[in-house]
C-alpha atoms as a PDB file:
ATOM      1  CA  MET A   1     -38.966 -50.158 -83.658  1.00  0.00           C
ATOM      2  CA  GLU A   2     -38.839 -52.268 -86.800  1.00  0.00           C
ATOM      3  CA  HIS A   3     -36.970 -51.141 -89.891  1.00  0.00           C
ATOM      4  CA  SER A   4     -37.960 -52.262 -93.332  1.00  0.00           C
ATOM      5  CA  THR A   5     -35.329 -53.641 -95.673  1.00  0.00           C
ATOM      6  CA  ASN A   6     -35.966 -50.652 -97.935  1.00  0.00           C
ATOM      7  CA  SER A   7     -35.160 -48.115 -95.190  1.00  0.00           C
ATOM      8  CA  ILE A   8     -31.978 -50.014 -94.290  1.00  0.00           C
ATOM      9  CA  GLU A   9     -30.850 -49.950 -97.937  1.00  0.00           C
ATOM     10  CA  LYS A  10     -31.548 -46.199 -98.107  1.00  0.00           C
ATOM     11  CA  ALA A  11     -29.422 -45.673 -94.989  1.00  0.00           C
ATOM     12  CA  LYS A  12     -26.574 -47.632 -96.582  1.00  0.00           C
ATOM     13  CA  ASP A  13     -26.873 -45.558 -99.776  1.00  0.00           C
ATOM     14  CA  SER A  14     -26.763 -42.447 -97.646  1.00  0.00           C
ATOM     15  CA  SER A  15     -23.646 -43.688 -95.828  1.00  0.00           C
ATOM     16  CA  VAL A  16     -21.742 -44.261 -99.073  1.00  0.00           C
ATOM     17  CA  GLU A  17     -22.735 -40.803-100.294  1.00  0.00           C
ATOM     18  CA  GLN A  18     -21.690 -39.222 -96.991  1.00  0.00           C
ATOM     19  CA  VAL A  19     -18.276 -40.904 -97.139  1.00  0.00           C
ATOM     20  CA  LYS A  20     -17.849 -39.856-100.775  1.00  0.00           C
ATOM     21  CA  GLY A  21     -18.616 -36.242 -99.870  1.00  0.00           C
ATOM     22  CA  PHE A  22     -16.320 -36.300 -96.842  1.00  0.00           C
ATOM     23  CA  LEU A  23     -13.351 -37.697 -98.779  1.00  0.00           C
ATOM     24  CA  GLN A  24     -13.869 -35.198-101.599  1.00  0.00           C
ATOM     25  CA  ASN A  25     -14.278 -32.165 -99.346  1.00  0.00           C
ATOM     26  CA  ARG A  26     -11.647 -33.019 -96.736  1.00  0.00           C
ATOM     27  CA  TYR A  27      -8.932 -34.703 -98.821  1.00  0.00           C
ATOM     28  CA  GLY A  28      -9.751 -33.934-102.455  1.00  0.00           C
ATOM     29  CA  ILE A  29     -10.245 -37.635-103.182  1.00  0.00           C
ATOM     30  CA  GLU A  30     -12.924 -38.424-105.726  1.00  0.00           C
ATOM     31  CA  VAL A  31     -14.888 -41.639-105.197  1.00  0.00           C
ATOM     32  CA  VAL A  32     -16.461 -43.024-108.357  1.00  0.00           C
ATOM     33  CA  VAL A  33     -19.023 -45.799-107.938  1.00  0.00           C
ATOM     34  CA  GLY A  34     -19.965 -47.048-111.356  1.00  0.00           C
ATOM     35  CA  ASP A  35     -20.468 -49.820-113.856  1.00  0.00           C
ATOM     36  CA  PHE A  36     -16.931 -50.225-115.197  1.00  0.00           C
ATOM     37  CA  PRO A  37     -16.282 -52.206-118.369  1.00  0.00           C
ATOM     38  CA  GLU A  38     -14.186 -55.331-117.860  1.00  0.00           C
ATOM     39  CA  GLU A  39     -11.325 -53.901-119.925  1.00  0.00           C
ATOM     40  CA  GLN A  40     -10.853 -51.095-117.372  1.00  0.00           C
ATOM     41  CA  GLY A  41      -9.687 -53.667-114.846  1.00  0.00           C
ATOM     42  CA  VAL A  42     -11.923 -52.542-111.975  1.00  0.00           C
ATOM     43  CA  GLU A  43     -13.364 -55.885-110.886  1.00  0.00           C
ATOM     44  CA  ILE A  44     -14.171 -54.785-107.318  1.00  0.00           C
ATOM     45  CA  GLY A  45     -12.310 -51.532-106.727  1.00  0.00           C
ATOM     46  CA  ALA A  46      -9.118 -49.726-107.651  1.00  0.00           C
ATOM     47  CA  LEU A  47      -6.984 -46.685-106.937  1.00  0.00           C
ATOM     48  CA  SER A  48      -6.304 -44.254-109.723  1.00  0.00           C
ATOM     49  CA  HIS A  49      -4.155 -41.385-108.476  1.00  0.00           C
ATOM     50  CA  LYS A  50      -6.512 -39.340-106.260  1.00  0.00           C
ATOM     51  CA  LYS A  51      -9.563 -41.414-107.189  1.00  0.00           C
ATOM     52  CA  ILE A  52     -11.141 -44.453-105.618  1.00  0.00           C
ATOM     53  CA  LEU A  53     -13.043 -46.528-108.181  1.00  0.00           C
ATOM     54  CA  VAL A  54     -15.689 -49.014-107.019  1.00  0.00           C
ATOM     55  CA  ASN A  55     -17.513 -51.340-109.381  1.00  0.00           C
ATOM     56  CA  ILE A  56     -21.228 -51.257-108.630  1.00  0.00           C
ATOM     57  CA  LYS A  57     -21.776 -54.707-110.173  1.00  0.00           C
ATOM     58  CA  SER A  58     -19.501 -56.584-107.809  1.00  0.00           C
ATOM     59  CA  ARG A  59     -20.940 -55.819-104.378  1.00  0.00           C
ATOM     60  CA  GLY A  60     -23.930 -54.622-102.380  1.00  0.00           C
ATOM     61  CA  GLU A  61     -24.016 -51.297-100.524  1.00  0.00           C
ATOM     62  CA  THR A  62     -22.410 -52.550 -97.313  1.00  0.00           C
ATOM     63  CA  GLU A  63     -19.539 -54.094 -99.239  1.00  0.00           C
ATOM     64  CA  ARG A  64     -19.122 -50.923-101.343  1.00  0.00           C
ATOM     65  CA  LEU A  65     -18.758 -48.888 -98.167  1.00  0.00           C
ATOM     66  CA  PHE A  66     -16.097 -51.334 -96.964  1.00  0.00           C
ATOM     67  CA  VAL A  67     -14.248 -51.164-100.308  1.00  0.00           C
ATOM     68  CA  VAL A  68     -14.168 -47.348-100.165  1.00  0.00           C
ATOM     69  CA  ALA A  69     -12.827 -47.400 -96.592  1.00  0.00           C
ATOM     70  CA  HIS A  70     -10.319 -50.136 -97.401  1.00  0.00           C
ATOM     71  CA  LEU A  71      -8.944 -48.371-100.467  1.00  0.00           C
ATOM     72  CA  PHE A  72      -8.777 -45.064 -98.591  1.00  0.00           C
ATOM     73  CA  GLY A  73      -6.670 -46.857 -95.978  1.00  0.00           C
ATOM     74  CA  HIS A  74      -4.292 -47.975 -98.724  1.00  0.00           C
ATOM     75  CA  MET A  75      -4.079 -44.399-100.020  1.00  0.00           C
ATOM     76  CA  VAL A  76      -3.034 -43.207 -96.570  1.00  0.00           C
ATOM     77  CA  GLN A  77      -0.556 -46.062 -96.276  1.00  0.00           C
ATOM     78  CA  PHE A  78       0.956 -45.408 -99.713  1.00  0.00           C
ATOM     79  CA  THR A  79       1.533 -41.715 -99.069  1.00  0.00           C
ATOM     80  CA  HIS A  80       4.024 -42.660 -96.323  1.00  0.00           C
ATOM     81  CA  TYR A  81       6.308 -44.640 -98.641  1.00  0.00           C
ATOM     82  CA  GLU A  82       8.207 -42.886-101.438  1.00  0.00           C
ATOM     83  CA  LYS A  83       8.107 -45.894-103.747  1.00  0.00           C
ATOM     84  CA  TYR A  84       4.263 -45.942-103.646  1.00  0.00           C
ATOM     85  CA  LYS A  85       3.502 -42.197-103.791  1.00  0.00           C
ATOM     86  CA  ASP A  86       3.001 -42.280-107.571  1.00  0.00           C
ATOM     87  CA  LEU A  87      -0.006 -44.564-107.018  1.00  0.00           C
ATOM     88  CA  VAL A  88      -1.938 -41.860-105.184  1.00  0.00           C
ATOM     89  CA  GLU A  89      -0.669 -38.532-106.490  1.00  0.00           C
END
C-alpha cells in the first residue's frame, strides 16, 4: 500500500500532538511548538521550568518530535541531580 507524502506528514503531525498530550496529562509538562522571536533564545528548542519549547522554524515534523523527546530526556535526567532541579521545576 502506497502512502502519499501528505498522509505521512499528517501522521507526523499527529505523533507530535500525541506526545504533547501525553506529556501534559501524565507529567504536567507543557510542550509549546511555536515561532519564537530570536531574542527569546529558542533557536531549536529549550527547557523552561516545566515547559519544553520547540521552534517551528528550525526543523521539520520528524525533527520536532526528536527535539521534544530529547528535551524530555534531559528533564528526567535533571530531576535526579540537585544542582539541576531548578532548571525543570
